[in-house]
Each structure stands twice: as C-alpha cells, then as structure tokens.
C-alpha cells in the first residue's frame, strides 16, 4: 500500500476549508492519472487556462470553477 502523508492531506483540507467554496468535489482517474477538482457542483467551463504549474484552471463566467491536475501521482 502506498504511504499516505497525513500532514500534506491536512494542509490541503485546511486550505479548502478557508476558501470561498461551499462544496468541493474531487475525482481521481487512476488510469489517466488525472485529478479533477470542482469548486461547487461540477459544471461545464466556458474558458480555461493552463498555468505554469501544468494545472488546467477552469472558469465559468470569469470565476474559477475547478482544476484539472495531470500526472497527479508524480506531483
């Protein structure tokens, strides 16, 4: 079984709890090694931007509605 780093998970959860998101949905596609994070219910984005960190930031009406993190297991 892979080691789970609880302190890293707790830091991430704390960051989410301090965000403006009322609901966070997370889905991991193991075959594609992609993590999908939606702030609020998953909705289709009307725009997106690939950041310098190779994370795809998804927007709806100018607000970030989610992230797509590729090669998740390597990060």
Protein backbone atom coordinates (compact mmCIF):
# COMPACT_ATOMS: atom_id res chain seq x y z
CA UNK A 1 0.00 0.00 0.00
CA UNK A 2 1.28 3.49 -0.83
CA UNK A 3 2.26 5.70 2.06
CA UNK A 4 -0.27 8.41 2.81
CA UNK A 5 1.21 11.65 4.10
CA UNK A 6 -1.45 12.83 6.53
CA UNK A 7 0.18 16.22 7.14
CA UNK A 8 0.01 17.04 3.42
CA UNK A 9 -3.62 15.94 3.24
CA UNK A 10 -4.47 18.02 6.31
CA UNK A 11 -2.79 21.11 4.78
CA UNK A 12 -4.84 20.68 1.62
CA UNK A 13 -8.07 20.19 3.57
CA UNK A 14 -7.34 23.26 5.70
CA UNK A 15 -6.77 25.35 2.55
CA UNK A 16 -10.11 24.18 1.16
CA UNK A 17 -11.89 24.97 4.41
CA UNK A 18 -10.57 28.56 4.26
CA UNK A 19 -11.64 29.05 0.64
CA UNK A 20 -14.88 30.58 -0.55
CA UNK A 21 -16.07 27.24 -1.95
CA UNK A 22 -19.21 25.91 -0.30
CA UNK A 23 -18.73 22.49 -1.82
CA UNK A 24 -15.62 20.81 -3.23
CA UNK A 25 -15.83 17.72 -5.41
CA UNK A 26 -12.71 15.66 -6.10
CA UNK A 27 -12.41 12.80 -8.56
CA UNK A 28 -9.29 10.85 -9.44
CA UNK A 29 -8.99 8.89 -12.69
CA UNK A 30 -6.31 6.32 -11.89
CA UNK A 31 -5.97 5.08 -15.49
CA UNK A 32 -5.35 8.60 -16.83
CA UNK A 33 -3.57 9.75 -13.62
CA UNK A 34 -5.67 12.92 -13.55
CA UNK A 35 -7.21 14.64 -10.52
CA UNK A 36 -10.35 16.70 -11.15
CA UNK A 37 -11.30 19.28 -8.52
CA UNK A 38 -14.56 21.22 -8.79
CA UNK A 39 -15.49 24.11 -6.52
CA UNK A 40 -19.20 23.61 -6.12
CA UNK A 41 -21.11 21.11 -8.22
CA UNK A 42 -19.22 20.13 -11.37
CA UNK A 43 -20.27 22.45 -14.21
CA UNK A 44 -19.05 22.85 -17.78
CA UNK A 45 -16.41 25.57 -18.03
CA UNK A 46 -16.66 28.33 -20.60
CA UNK A 47 -12.93 29.09 -20.51
CA UNK A 48 -9.71 27.52 -19.25
CA UNK A 49 -6.06 28.41 -18.81
CA UNK A 50 -3.01 26.19 -18.48
CA UNK A 51 -0.85 27.53 -15.66
CA UNK A 52 2.94 27.46 -15.42
CA UNK A 53 2.45 24.55 -13.00
CA UNK A 54 0.79 22.46 -15.76
CA UNK A 55 -2.52 22.67 -13.93
CA UNK A 56 -5.56 23.48 -16.07
CA UNK A 57 -7.65 26.17 -14.39
CA UNK A 58 -11.30 26.02 -15.47
CA UNK A 59 -13.52 29.12 -15.48
CA UNK A 60 -17.24 29.83 -15.72
CA UNK A 61 -18.32 33.46 -16.09
CA UNK A 62 -14.82 34.62 -15.05
CA UNK A 63 -14.73 32.61 -11.80
CA UNK A 64 -12.53 29.57 -11.19
CA UNK A 65 -14.84 26.56 -11.00
CA UNK A 66 -12.23 23.84 -10.96
CA UNK A 67 -8.77 22.45 -11.59
CA UNK A 68 -7.51 19.58 -13.69
CA UNK A 69 -4.20 18.18 -12.46
CA UNK A 70 -2.46 15.88 -14.92
CA UNK A 71 0.26 13.38 -13.93
CA UNK A 72 -1.14 13.61 -10.42
CA UNK A 73 0.81 10.69 -8.92
CA UNK A 74 4.11 12.28 -9.98
CA UNK A 75 3.49 15.51 -8.05
